[in-house]
Amino acid sequence: MTDAPGDEPTSVEELLSKRLRWDDAKALSGETLELFPLDSGPDRIPLTVVEVTARASSDAMLQFSILLRGPADPVLAQRTYRFRHARLGDYAFFVTAVARSAAGTDYEACFSHAP
C-alpha cells in the first residue's frame, strides 16, 4: 500500500492524490498519527485516532470519517495538514476542530472516494 521508504511524496499537493483505504483507516483506531504543521510551531503534533466511522456509502462512493484527539493547545486551524503513520506512511488530510475538553482538542477528517 505504501511506497518504499524514501519514495514518499514530498509535498502536501502530491500527498492529496494518495488515498487512505477503508481497510487501513479502520485499523487505525487507538493508534497515533503525527501531524506536521505547515507554518510555524512544533515540528510534529501527536494525534490519537479516537474513532473511525463508516458513513453512508454506495457502490460508486465510499465514505468514512476519522476522529482524532490532540493536545488542548494549540487549536489547529481548519485546513489540510500532512500526517504520518509509522506503518502507512504520509498522507494529507483536511481536518476541522469539532470539540475541545480537558482531554484535548478533537478533530474530524472526512473521506469520500470511489472504492
PDB file of N, CA and C in Angstrom:
ATOM      1  N   MET A   1       0.815  -1.186   0.000  1.00  0.00           N
ATOM      2  CA  MET A   1       0.000   0.000   0.000  1.00  0.00           C
ATOM      3  C   MET A   1       0.855   1.244   0.000  1.00  0.00           C
ATOM      4  N   THR A   2       1.933   1.273   0.767  1.00  0.00           N
ATOM      5  CA  THR A   2       2.743   2.480   0.807  1.00  0.00           C
ATOM      6  C   THR A   2       3.921   2.336  -0.119  1.00  0.00           C
ATOM      7  N   ASP A   3       4.487   3.459  -0.470  1.00  0.00           N
ATOM      8  CA  ASP A   3       5.684   3.460  -1.287  1.00  0.00           C
ATOM      9  C   ASP A   3       6.859   2.989  -0.439  1.00  0.00           C
ATOM     10  N   ALA A   4       7.944   2.625  -1.086  1.00  0.00           N
ATOM     11  CA  ALA A   4       9.146   2.227  -0.372  1.00  0.00           C
ATOM     12  C   ALA A   4       9.675   3.422   0.408  1.00  0.00           C
ATOM     13  N   PRO A   5      10.341   3.186   1.561  1.00  0.00           N
ATOM     14  CA  PRO A   5      10.909   4.303   2.303  1.00  0.00           C
ATOM     15  C   PRO A   5      11.769   5.165   1.394  1.00  0.00           C
ATOM     16  N   GLY A   6      11.593   6.467   1.558  1.00  0.00           N
ATOM     17  CA  GLY A   6      12.344   7.396   0.723  1.00  0.00           C
ATOM     18  C   GLY A   6      11.615   7.750  -0.556  1.00  0.00           C
ATOM     19  N   ASP A   7      10.542   6.997  -0.894  1.00  0.00           N
ATOM     20  CA  ASP A   7       9.768   7.272  -2.095  1.00  0.00           C
ATOM     21  C   ASP A   7       8.485   8.035  -1.788  1.00  0.00           C
ATOM     22  N   GLU A   8       8.297   8.450  -0.540  1.00  0.00           N
ATOM     23  CA  GLU A   8       7.088   9.176  -0.163  1.00  0.00           C
ATOM     24  C   GLU A   8       7.012  10.493  -0.920  1.00  0.00           C
ATOM     25  N   PRO A   9       5.802  10.915  -1.305  1.00  0.00           N
ATOM     26  CA  PRO A   9       5.656  12.238  -1.916  1.00  0.00           C
ATOM     27  C   PRO A   9       6.198  13.302  -0.971  1.00  0.00           C
ATOM     28  N   THR A  10       6.684  14.384  -1.518  1.00  0.00           N
ATOM     29  CA  THR A  10       7.350  15.383  -0.693  1.00  0.00           C
ATOM     30  C   THR A  10       6.500  16.597  -0.377  1.00  0.00           C
ATOM     31  N   SER A  11       5.400  16.820  -1.057  1.00  0.00           N
ATOM     32  CA  SER A  11       4.576  17.993  -0.792  1.00  0.00           C
ATOM     33  C   SER A  11       3.146  17.578  -0.470  1.00  0.00           C
ATOM     34  N   VAL A  12       2.421  18.483   0.212  1.00  0.00           N
ATOM     35  CA  VAL A  12       1.022  18.220   0.521  1.00  0.00           C
ATOM     36  C   VAL A  12       0.241  18.015  -0.770  1.00  0.00           C
ATOM     37  N   GLU A  13       0.557  18.792  -1.800  1.00  0.00           N
ATOM     38  CA  GLU A  13      -0.141  18.648  -3.080  1.00  0.00           C
ATOM     39  C   GLU A  13       0.015  17.228  -3.629  1.00  0.00           C
ATOM     40  N   GLU A  14       1.211  16.672  -3.555  1.00  0.00           N
ATOM     41  CA  GLU A  14       1.429  15.301  -4.008  1.00  0.00           C
ATOM     42  C   GLU A  14       0.696  14.302  -3.120  1.00  0.00           C
ATOM     43  N   LEU A  15       0.665  14.567  -1.831  1.00  0.00           N
ATOM     44  CA  LEU A  15       0.005  13.656  -0.898  1.00  0.00           C
ATOM     45  C   LEU A  15      -1.508  13.625  -1.080  1.00  0.00           C
ATOM     46  N   LEU A  16      -2.095  14.699  -1.595  1.00  0.00           N
ATOM     47  CA  LEU A  16      -3.542  14.748  -1.786  1.00  0.00           C
ATOM     48  C   LEU A  16      -4.039  13.653  -2.723  1.00  0.00           C
ATOM     49  N   SER A  17      -3.186  13.190  -3.608  1.00  0.00           N
ATOM     50  CA  SER A  17      -3.614  12.136  -4.537  1.00  0.00           C
ATOM     51  C   SER A  17      -3.490  10.737  -3.923  1.00  0.00           C
ATOM     52  N   LYS A  18      -2.910  10.625  -2.748  1.00  0.00           N
ATOM     53  CA  LYS A  18      -2.741   9.345  -2.078  1.00  0.00           C
ATOM     54  C   LYS A  18      -3.980   9.068  -1.233  1.00  0.00           C
ATOM     55  N   ARG A  19      -4.719   8.005  -1.557  1.00  0.00           N
ATOM     56  CA  ARG A  19      -5.963   7.692  -0.871  1.00  0.00           C
ATOM     57  C   ARG A  19      -5.732   6.786   0.335  1.00  0.00           C
ATOM     58  N   LEU A  20      -6.422   7.102   1.413  1.00  0.00           N
ATOM     59  CA  LEU A  20      -6.456   6.218   2.564  1.00  0.00           C
ATOM     60  C   LEU A  20      -7.596   5.233   2.344  1.00  0.00           C
ATOM     61  N   ARG A  21      -7.274   3.962   2.303  1.00  0.00           N
ATOM     62  CA  ARG A  21      -8.292   2.930   2.091  1.00  0.00           C
ATOM     63  C   ARG A  21      -9.051   2.663   3.387  1.00  0.00           C
ATOM     64  N   TRP A  22     -10.311   2.252   3.249  1.00  0.00           N
ATOM     65  CA  TRP A  22     -11.154   1.953   4.400  1.00  0.00           C
ATOM     66  C   TRP A  22     -10.519   0.879   5.280  1.00  0.00           C
ATOM     67  N   ASP A  23      -9.998  -0.186   4.702  1.00  0.00           N
ATOM     68  CA  ASP A  23      -9.376  -1.253   5.496  1.00  0.00           C
ATOM     69  C   ASP A  23      -8.217  -0.720   6.331  1.00  0.00           C
ATOM     70  N   ASP A  24      -7.426   0.180   5.769  1.00  0.00           N
ATOM     71  CA  ASP A  24      -6.322   0.774   6.524  1.00  0.00           C
ATOM     72  C   ASP A  24      -6.848   1.738   7.587  1.00  0.00           C
ATOM     73  N   ALA A  25      -7.866   2.512   7.245  1.00  0.00           N
ATOM     74  CA  ALA A  25      -8.413   3.500   8.173  1.00  0.00           C
ATOM     75  C   ALA A  25      -8.992   2.828   9.415  1.00  0.00           C
ATOM     76  N   LYS A  26      -9.794   1.777   9.231  1.00  0.00           N
ATOM     77  CA  LYS A  26     -10.439   1.167  10.400  1.00  0.00           C
ATOM     78  C   LYS A  26      -9.433   0.494  11.326  1.00  0.00           C
ATOM     79  N   ALA A  27      -8.261   0.154  10.826  1.00  0.00           N
ATOM     80  CA  ALA A  27      -7.219  -0.438  11.671  1.00  0.00           C
ATOM     81  C   ALA A  27      -6.469   0.619  12.487  1.00  0.00           C
ATOM     82  N   LEU A  28      -6.732   1.899  12.249  1.00  0.00           N
ATOM     83  CA  LEU A  28      -6.017   2.974  12.947  1.00  0.00           C
ATOM     84  C   LEU A  28      -6.540   3.285  14.344  1.00  0.00           C
ATOM     85  N   SER A  29      -7.720   2.796  14.704  1.00  0.00           N
ATOM     86  CA  SER A  29      -8.323   3.131  15.989  1.00  0.00           C
ATOM     87  C   SER A  29      -7.354   2.870  17.141  1.00  0.00           C
ATOM     88  N   GLY A  30      -7.139   3.904  17.964  1.00  0.00           N
ATOM     89  CA  GLY A  30      -6.235   3.813  19.099  1.00  0.00           C
ATOM     90  C   GLY A  30      -4.779   4.106  18.773  1.00  0.00           C
ATOM     91  N   GLU A  31      -4.445   4.243  17.510  1.00  0.00           N
ATOM     92  CA  GLU A  31      -3.056   4.491  17.108  1.00  0.00           C
ATOM     93  C   GLU A  31      -2.763   5.986  17.039  1.00  0.00           C
ATOM     94  N   THR A  32      -1.491   6.311  16.921  1.00  0.00           N
ATOM     95  CA  THR A  32      -1.049   7.706  16.874  1.00  0.00           C
ATOM     96  C   THR A  32      -0.617   8.089  15.468  1.00  0.00           C
ATOM     97  N   LEU A  33      -1.064   9.264  15.047  1.00  0.00           N
ATOM     98  CA  LEU A  33      -0.601   9.881  13.809  1.00  0.00           C
ATOM     99  C   LEU A  33       0.167  11.138  14.201  1.00  0.00           C
ATOM    100  N   GLU A  34       1.199  11.458  13.459  1.00  0.00           N
ATOM    101  CA  GLU A  34       1.924  12.706  13.672  1.00  0.00           C
ATOM    102  C   GLU A  34       1.442  13.725  12.657  1.00  0.00           C
ATOM    103  N   LEU A  35       1.068  14.903  13.129  1.00  0.00           N
ATOM    104  CA  LEU A  35       0.646  15.992  12.257  1.00  0.00           C
ATOM    105  C   LEU A  35       1.816  16.954  12.118  1.00  0.00           C
ATOM    106  N   PHE A  36       2.086  17.377  10.909  1.00  0.00           N
ATOM    107  CA  PHE A  36       3.149  18.339  10.631  1.00  0.00           C
ATOM    108  C   PHE A  36       2.523  19.676  10.293  1.00  0.00           C
ATOM    109  N   PRO A  37       2.589  20.649  11.219  1.00  0.00           N
ATOM    110  CA  PRO A  37       2.061  21.976  10.891  1.00  0.00           C
ATOM    111  C   PRO A  37       2.854  22.552   9.710  1.00  0.00           C
ATOM    112  N   LEU A  38       2.166  23.178   8.810  1.00  0.00           N
ATOM    113  CA  LEU A  38       2.830  23.680   7.608  1.00  0.00           C
ATOM    114  C   LEU A  38       3.425  25.064   7.795  1.00  0.00           C
ATOM    115  N   ASP A  39       2.988  25.771   8.826  1.00  0.00           N
ATOM    116  CA  ASP A  39       3.505  27.114   9.062  1.00  0.00           C
ATOM    117  C   ASP A  39       4.526  27.072  10.186  1.00  0.00           C
ATOM    118  N   SER A  40       4.220  27.706  11.291  1.00  0.00           N
ATOM    119  CA  SER A  40       5.155  27.735  12.410  1.00  0.00           C
ATOM    120  C   SER A  40       4.657  26.803  13.511  1.00  0.00           C
ATOM    121  N   GLY A  41       5.419  26.704  14.573  1.00  0.00           N
ATOM    122  CA  GLY A  41       5.021  25.868  15.695  1.00  0.00           C
ATOM    123  C   GLY A  41       5.877  24.628  15.782  1.00  0.00           C
ATOM    124  N   PRO A  42       5.451  23.692  16.607  1.00  0.00           N
ATOM    125  CA  PRO A  42       6.237  22.476  16.794  1.00  0.00           C
ATOM    126  C   PRO A  42       6.368  21.704  15.490  1.00  0.00           C
ATOM    127  N   ASP A  43       7.439  20.945  15.396  1.00  0.00           N
ATOM    128  CA  ASP A  43       7.673  20.171  14.171  1.00  0.00           C
ATOM    129  C   ASP A  43       6.615  19.107  13.956  1.00  0.00           C
ATOM    130  N   ARG A  44       6.173  18.459  15.034  1.00  0.00           N
ATOM    131  CA  ARG A  44       5.178  17.395  14.940  1.00  0.00           C
ATOM    132  C   ARG A  44       4.252  17.463  16.141  1.00  0.00           C
ATOM    133  N   ILE A  45       2.982  17.205  15.886  1.00  0.00           N
ATOM    134  CA  ILE A  45       1.999  17.159  16.965  1.00  0.00           C
ATOM    135  C   ILE A  45       1.354  15.780  16.930  1.00  0.00           C
ATOM    136  N   PRO A  46       1.444  15.004  18.015  1.00  0.00           N
ATOM    137  CA  PRO A  46       0.828  13.679  18.014  1.00  0.00           C
ATOM    138  C   PRO A  46      -0.683  13.779  18.189  1.00  0.00           C
ATOM    139  N   LEU A  47      -1.414  13.035  17.360  1.00  0.00           N
ATOM    140  CA  LEU A  47      -2.867  12.944  17.470  1.00  0.00           C
ATOM    141  C   LEU A  47      -3.233  11.468  17.572  1.00  0.00           C
ATOM    142  N   THR A  48      -4.129  11.148  18.485  1.00  0.00           N
ATOM    143  CA  THR A  48      -4.588   9.777  18.666  1.00  0.00           C
ATOM    144  C   THR A  48      -5.888   9.572  17.908  1.00  0.00           C
ATOM    145  N   VAL A  49      -5.989   8.467  17.198  1.00  0.00           N
ATOM    146  CA  VAL A  49      -7.226   8.127  16.496  1.00  0.00           C
ATOM    147  C   VAL A  49      -8.207   7.593  17.535  1.00  0.00           C
ATOM    148  N   VAL A  50      -9.271   8.358  17.784  1.00  0.00           N
ATOM    149  CA  VAL A  50     -10.265   8.015  18.788  1.00  0.00           C
ATOM    150  C   VAL A  50     -11.330   7.099  18.195  1.00  0.00           C
ATOM    151  N   GLU A  51     -11.706   7.362  16.950  1.00  0.00           N
ATOM    152  CA  GLU A  51     -12.806   6.617  16.340  1.00  0.00           C
ATOM    153  C   GLU A  51     -12.699   6.671  14.830  1.00  0.00           C
ATOM    154  N   VAL A  52     -13.039   5.573  14.183  1.00  0.00           N
ATOM    155  CA  VAL A  52     -13.136   5.515  12.726  1.00  0.00           C
ATOM    156  C   VAL A  52     -14.550   5.034  12.422  1.00  0.00           C
ATOM    157  N   THR A  53     -15.291   5.815  11.646  1.00  0.00           N
ATOM    158  CA  THR A  53     -16.707   5.553  11.426  1.00  0.00           C
ATOM    159  C   THR A  53     -17.028   5.452   9.946  1.00  0.00           C
ATOM    160  N   ALA A  54     -17.715   4.359   9.565  1.00  0.00           N
ATOM    161  CA  ALA A  54     -18.221   4.230   8.201  1.00  0.00           C
ATOM    162  C   ALA A  54     -19.422   5.160   8.059  1.00  0.00           C
ATOM    163  N   ARG A  55     -19.536   5.820   6.935  1.00  0.00           N
ATOM    164  CA  ARG A  55     -20.660   6.708   6.638  1.00  0.00           C
ATOM    165  C   ARG A  55     -21.481   6.086   5.510  1.00  0.00           C
ATOM    166  N   ALA A  56     -22.620   6.683   5.221  1.00  0.00           N
ATOM    167  CA  ALA A  56     -23.460   6.183   4.137  1.00  0.00           C
ATOM    168  C   ALA A  56     -22.636   6.110   2.858  1.00  0.00           C
ATOM    169  N   SER A  57     -22.561   4.926   2.271  1.00  0.00           N
ATOM    170  CA  SER A  57     -21.770   4.707   1.063  1.00  0.00           C
ATOM    171  C   SER A  57     -22.621   3.999   0.022  1.00  0.00           C
ATOM    172  N   SER A  58     -22.103   3.940  -1.187  1.00  0.00           N
ATOM    173  CA  SER A  58     -22.771   3.227  -2.280  1.00  0.00           C
ATOM    174  C   SER A  58     -21.708   2.457  -3.054  1.00  0.00           C
ATOM    175  N   ASP A  59     -22.139   1.760  -4.093  1.00  0.00           N
ATOM    176  CA  ASP A  59     -21.171   1.049  -4.926  1.00  0.00           C
ATOM    177  C   ASP A  59     -20.205   2.015  -5.609  1.00  0.00           C
ATOM    178  N   ALA A  60     -20.654   3.256  -5.813  1.00  0.00           N
ATOM    179  CA  ALA A  60     -19.839   4.240  -6.523  1.00  0.00           C
ATOM    180  C   ALA A  60     -19.053   5.175  -5.597  1.00  0.00           C
ATOM    181  N   MET A  61     -19.423   5.225  -4.312  1.00  0.00           N
ATOM    182  CA  MET A  61     -18.780   6.183  -3.408  1.00  0.00           C
ATOM    183  C   MET A  61     -18.611   5.576  -2.019  1.00  0.00           C
ATOM    184  N   LEU A  62     -17.393   5.571  -1.539  1.00  0.00           N
ATOM    185  CA  LEU A  62     -17.055   5.102  -0.199  1.00  0.00           C
ATOM    186  C   LEU A  62     -16.863   6.321   0.691  1.00  0.00           C
ATOM    187  N   GLN A  63     -17.498   6.328   1.876  1.00  0.00           N
ATOM    188  CA  GLN A  63     -17.387   7.462   2.780  1.00  0.00           C
ATOM    189  C   GLN A  63     -17.112   6.985   4.203  1.00  0.00           C
ATOM    190  N   PHE A  64     -16.179   7.665   4.869  1.00  0.00           N
ATOM    191  CA  PHE A  64     -15.892   7.372   6.267  1.00  0.00           C
ATOM    192  C   PHE A  64     -15.259   8.602   6.902  1.00  0.00           C
ATOM    193  N   SER A  65     -15.183   8.591   8.231  1.00  0.00           N
ATOM    194  CA  SER A  65     -14.554   9.706   8.947  1.00  0.00           C
ATOM    195  C   SER A  65     -13.643   9.166  10.040  1.00  0.00           C
ATOM    196  N   ILE A  66     -12.686   9.998  10.416  1.00  0.00           N
ATOM    197  CA  ILE A  66     -11.749   9.671  11.480  1.00  0.00           C
ATOM    198  C   ILE A  66     -11.795  10.801  12.502  1.00  0.00           C
ATOM    199  N   LEU A  67     -11.991  10.437  13.769  1.00  0.00           N
ATOM    200  CA  LEU A  67     -11.954  11.401  14.859  1.00  0.00           C
ATOM    201  C   LEU A  67     -10.592  11.268  15.533  1.00  0.00           C
ATOM    202  N   LEU A  68      -9.880  12.391  15.607  1.00  0.00           N
ATOM    203  CA  LEU A  68      -8.531  12.423  16.171  1.00  0.00           C
ATOM    204  C   LEU A  68      -8.506  13.331  17.391  1.00  0.00           C
ATOM    205  N   ARG A  69      -7.711  12.967  18.398  1.00  0.00           N
ATOM    206  CA  ARG A  69      -7.576  13.833  19.574  1.00  0.00           C
ATOM    207  C   ARG A  69      -6.132  14.277  19.723  1.00  0.00           C
ATOM    208  N   GLY A  70      -5.981  15.588  19.841  1.00  0.00           N
ATOM    209  CA  GLY A  70      -4.662  16.174  20.039  1.00  0.00           C
ATOM    210  C   GLY A  70      -4.612  16.928  21.344  1.00  0.00           C
ATOM    211  N   PRO A  71      -3.497  17.587  21.609  1.00  0.00           N
ATOM    212  CA  PRO A  71      -3.397  18.378  22.837  1.00  0.00           C
ATOM    213  C   PRO A  71      -4.409  19.525  22.833  1.00  0.00           C
ATOM    214  N   ALA A  72      -4.721  20.022  24.028  1.00  0.00           N
ATOM    215  CA  ALA A  72      -5.683  21.126  24.139  1.00  0.00           C
ATOM    216  C   ALA A  72      -5.182  22.372  23.424  1.00  0.00           C
ATOM    217  N   ASP A  73      -3.882  22.598  23.473  1.00  0.00           N
ATOM    218  CA  ASP A  73      -3.273  23.737  22.800  1.00  0.00           C
ATOM    219  C   ASP A  73      -2.082  23.264  21.995  1.00  0.00           C
ATOM    220  N   PRO A  74      -1.838  23.783  20.839  1.00  0.00           N
ATOM    221  CA  PRO A  74      -2.639  24.796  20.161  1.00  0.00           C
ATOM    222  C   PRO A  74      -3.852  24.164  19.484  1.00  0.00           C
ATOM    223  N   VAL A  75      -4.913  24.963  19.298  1.00  0.00           N
ATOM    224  CA  VAL A  75      -6.043  24.513  18.489  1.00  0.00           C
ATOM    225  C   VAL A  75      -5.672  24.824  17.046  1.00  0.00           C
ATOM    226  N   LEU A  76      -5.671  23.799  16.235  1.00  0.00           N
ATOM    227  CA  LEU A  76      -5.238  23.942  14.846  1.00  0.00           C
ATOM    228  C   LEU A  76      -6.349  24.506  13.970  1.00  0.00           C
ATOM    229  N   ALA A  77      -5.979  25.327  13.028  1.00  0.00           N
ATOM    230  CA  ALA A  77      -6.939  25.893  12.076  1.00  0.00           C
ATOM    231  C   ALA A  77      -7.484  24.793  11.160  1.00  0.00           C
ATOM    232  N   GLN A  78      -8.683  24.993  10.684  1.00  0.00           N
ATOM    233  CA  GLN A  78      -9.294  24.077   9.714  1.00  0.00           C
ATOM    234  C   GLN A  78      -8.530  24.194   8.409  1.00  0.00           C
ATOM    235  N   ARG A  79      -7.914  23.098   7.974  1.00  0.00           N
ATOM    236  CA  ARG A  79      -7.155  23.099   6.728  1.00  0.00           C
ATOM    237  C   ARG A  79      -6.562  21.728   6.468  1.00  0.00           C
ATOM    238  N   THR A  80      -5.787  21.630   5.419  1.00  0.00           N
ATOM    239  CA  THR A  80      -5.131  20.378   5.064  1.00  0.00           C
ATOM    240  C   THR A  80      -3.743  20.345   5.683  1.00  0.00           C
ATOM    241  N   TYR A  81      -3.457  19.235   6.364  1.00  0.00           N
ATOM    242  CA  TYR A  81      -2.167  19.032   7.021  1.00  0.00           C
ATOM    243  C   TYR A  81      -1.547  17.721   6.544  1.00  0.00           C
ATOM    244  N   ARG A  82      -0.259  17.651   6.671  1.00  0.00           N
ATOM    245  CA  ARG A  82       0.467  16.412   6.407  1.00  0.00           C
ATOM    246  C   ARG A  82       0.436  15.562   7.679  1.00  0.00           C
ATOM    247  N   PHE A  83       0.107  14.280   7.518  1.00  0.00           N
ATOM    248  CA  PHE A  83       0.084  13.326   8.616  1.00  0.00           C
ATOM    249  C   PHE A  83       1.047  12.185   8.304  1.00  0.00           C
ATOM    250  N   ARG A  84       1.583  11.581   9.360  1.00  0.00           N
ATOM    251  CA  ARG A  84       2.454  10.408   9.182  1.00  0.00           C
ATOM    252  C   ARG A  84       2.033   9.321  10.158  1.00  0.00           C
ATOM    253  N   HIS A  85       1.940   8.106   9.622  1.00  0.00           N
ATOM    254  CA  HIS A  85       1.687   6.917  10.431  1.00  0.00           C
ATOM    255  C   HIS A  85       2.878   5.988  10.247  1.00  0.00           C
ATOM    256  N   ALA A  86       3.323   5.365  11.324  1.00  0.00           N
ATOM    257  CA  ALA A  86       4.537   4.542  11.282  1.00  0.00           C
ATOM    258  C   ALA A  86       4.469   3.446  10.226  1.00  0.00           C
ATOM    259  N   ARG A  87       3.308   2.831  10.035  1.00  0.00           N
ATOM    260  CA  ARG A  87       3.185   1.727   9.079  1.00  0.00           C
ATOM    261  C   ARG A  87       2.700   2.189   7.698  1.00  0.00           C
ATOM    262  N   LEU A  88       1.774   3.128   7.672  1.00  0.00           N
ATOM    263  CA  LEU A  88       1.133   3.524   6.412  1.00  0.00           C
ATOM    264  C   LEU A  88       1.850   4.647   5.674  1.00  0.00           C
ATOM    265  N   GLY A  89       2.710   5.381   6.375  1.00  0.00           N
ATOM    266  CA  GLY A  89       3.425   6.468   5.719  1.00  0.00           C
ATOM    267  C   GLY A  89       2.698   7.790   5.820  1.00  0.00           C
ATOM    268  N   ASP A  90       2.955   8.673   4.857  1.00  0.00           N
ATOM    269  CA  ASP A  90       2.437  10.040   4.876  1.00  0.00           C
ATOM    270  C   ASP A  90       1.168  10.177   4.043  1.00  0.00           C
ATOM    271  N   TYR A  91       0.275  11.028   4.547  1.00  0.00           N
ATOM    272  CA  TYR A  91      -0.972  11.380   3.867  1.00  0.00           C
ATOM    273  C   TYR A  91      -1.236  12.850   4.119  1.00  0.00           C
ATOM    274  N   ALA A  92      -2.149  13.432   3.357  1.00  0.00           N
ATOM    275  CA  ALA A  92      -2.644  14.785   3.614  1.00  0.00           C
ATOM    276  C   ALA A  92      -4.137  14.673   3.890  1.00  0.00           C
ATOM    277  N   PHE A  93      -4.573  15.190   5.044  1.00  0.00           N
ATOM    278  CA  PHE A  93      -5.982  15.169   5.438  1.00  0.00           C
ATOM    279  C   PHE A  93      -6.429  16.593   5.716  1.00  0.00           C
ATOM    280  N   PHE A  94      -7.667  16.891   5.320  1.00  0.00           N
ATOM    281  CA  PHE A  94      -8.316  18.138   5.708  1.00  0.00           C
ATOM    282  C   PHE A  94      -9.007  17.865   7.034  1.00  0.00           C
ATOM    283  N   VAL A  95      -8.676  18.635   8.072  1.00  0.00           N
ATOM    284  CA  VAL A  95      -9.266  18.422   9.386  1.00  0.00           C
ATOM    285  C   VAL A  95      -9.947  19.683   9.894  1.00  0.00           C
ATOM    286  N   THR A  96     -10.953  19.452  10.726  1.00  0.00           N
ATOM    287  CA  THR A  96     -11.716  20.517  11.361  1.00  0.00           C
ATOM    288  C   THR A  96     -11.798  20.222  12.853  1.00  0.00           C
ATOM    289  N   ALA A  97     -11.542  21.210  13.680  1.00  0.00           N
ATOM    290  CA  ALA A  97     -11.736  21.047  15.124  1.00  0.00           C
ATOM    291  C   ALA A  97     -13.233  20.921  15.382  1.00  0.00           C
ATOM    292  N   VAL A  98     -13.625  19.887  16.133  1.00  0.00           N
ATOM    293  CA  VAL A  98     -15.052  19.653  16.384  1.00  0.00           C
ATOM    294  C   VAL A  98     -15.411  19.700  17.861  1.00  0.00           C
ATOM    295  N   ALA A  99     -14.414  19.614  18.764  1.00  0.00           N
ATOM    296  CA  ALA A  99     -14.690  19.668  20.202  1.00  0.00           C
ATOM    297  C   ALA A  99     -13.401  19.975  20.952  1.00  0.00           C
ATOM    298  N   ARG A 100     -13.586  20.550  22.135  1.00  0.00           N
ATOM    299  CA  ARG A 100     -12.434  20.839  22.991  1.00  0.00           C
ATOM    300  C   ARG A 100     -12.837  20.551  24.434  1.00  0.00           C
ATOM    301  N   SER A 101     -11.969  19.831  25.154  1.00  0.00           N
ATOM    302  CA  SER A 101     -12.236  19.487  26.548  1.00  0.00           C
ATOM    303  C   SER A 101     -10.912  19.422  27.289  1.00  0.00           C
ATOM    304  N   ALA A 102     -10.979  19.052  28.566  1.00  0.00           N
ATOM    305  CA  ALA A 102      -9.756  18.899  29.347  1.00  0.00           C
ATOM    306  C   ALA A 102      -8.876  17.796  28.759  1.00  0.00           C
ATOM    307  N   ALA A 103      -9.484  16.833  28.069  1.00  0.00           N
ATOM    308  CA  ALA A 103      -8.737  15.724  27.460  1.00  0.00           C
ATOM    309  C   ALA A 103      -7.963  16.164  26.223  1.00  0.00           C
ATOM    310  N   GLY A 104      -8.366  17.270  25.611  1.00  0.00           N
ATOM    311  CA  GLY A 104      -7.680  17.764  24.419  1.00  0.00           C
ATOM    312  C   GLY A 104      -8.652  18.311  23.398  1.00  0.00           C
ATOM    313  N   THR A 105      -8.140  18.549  22.204  1.00  0.00           N
ATOM    314  CA  THR A 105      -8.954  19.048  21.101  1.00  0.00           C
ATOM    315  C   THR A 105      -9.203  17.909  20.124  1.00  0.00           C
ATOM    316  N   ASP A 106     -10.478  17.737  19.750  1.00  0.00           N
ATOM    317  CA  ASP A 106     -10.848  16.701  18.789  1.00  0.00           C
ATOM    318  C   ASP A 106     -10.978  17.310  17.402  1.00  0.00           C
ATOM    319  N   TYR A 107     -10.499  16.557  16.417  1.00  0.00           N
ATOM    320  CA  TYR A 107     -10.548  16.966  15.019  1.00  0.00           C
ATOM    321  C   TYR A 107     -11.205  15.857  14.213  1.00  0.00           C
ATOM    322  N   GLU A 108     -11.901  16.241  13.157  1.00  0.00           N
ATOM    323  CA  GLU A 108     -12.515  15.254  12.272  1.00  0.00           C
ATOM    324  C   GLU A 108     -11.953  15.403  10.871  1.00  0.00           C
ATOM    325  N   ALA A 109     -11.659  14.269  10.265  1.00  0.00           N
ATOM    326  CA  ALA A 109     -11.269  14.203   8.859  1.00  0.00           C
ATOM    327  C   ALA A 109     -12.305  13.318   8.170  1.00  0.00           C
ATOM    328  N   CYS A 110     -12.903  13.811   7.083  1.00  0.00           N
ATOM    329  CA  CYS A 110     -13.920  13.066   6.343  1.00  0.00           C
ATOM    330  C   CYS A 110     -13.369  12.667   4.986  1.00  0.00           C
ATOM    331  N   PHE A 111     -13.743  11.475   4.554  1.00  0.00           N
ATOM    332  CA  PHE A 111     -13.220  10.917   3.300  1.00  0.00           C
ATOM    333  C   PHE A 111     -14.373  10.457   2.419  1.00  0.00           C
ATOM    334  N   SER A 112     -14.294  10.783   1.144  1.00  0.00           N
ATOM    335  CA  SER A 112     -15.254  10.328   0.135  1.00  0.00           C
ATOM    336  C   SER A 112     -14.473  10.047  -1.134  1.00  0.00           C
ATOM    337  N   HIS A 113     -14.516   8.814  -1.587  1.00  0.00           N
ATOM    338  CA  HIS A 113     -13.844   8.479  -2.848  1.00  0.00           C
ATOM    339  C   HIS A 113     -14.391   7.178  -3.421  1.00  0.00           C
ATOM    340  N   ALA A 114     -14.080   6.949  -4.649  1.00  0.00           N
ATOM    341  CA  ALA A 114     -14.514   5.708  -5.304  1.00  0.00           C
ATOM    342  C   ALA A 114     -13.823   4.535  -4.619  1.00  0.00           C
ATOM    343  N   PRO A 115     -14.547   3.425  -4.456  1.00  0.00           N
ATOM    344  CA  PRO A 115     -13.943   2.248  -3.796  1.00  0.00           C
ATOM    345  C   PRO A 115     -12.768   1.677  -4.565  1.00  0.00           C
TER     346      PRO A 115
END
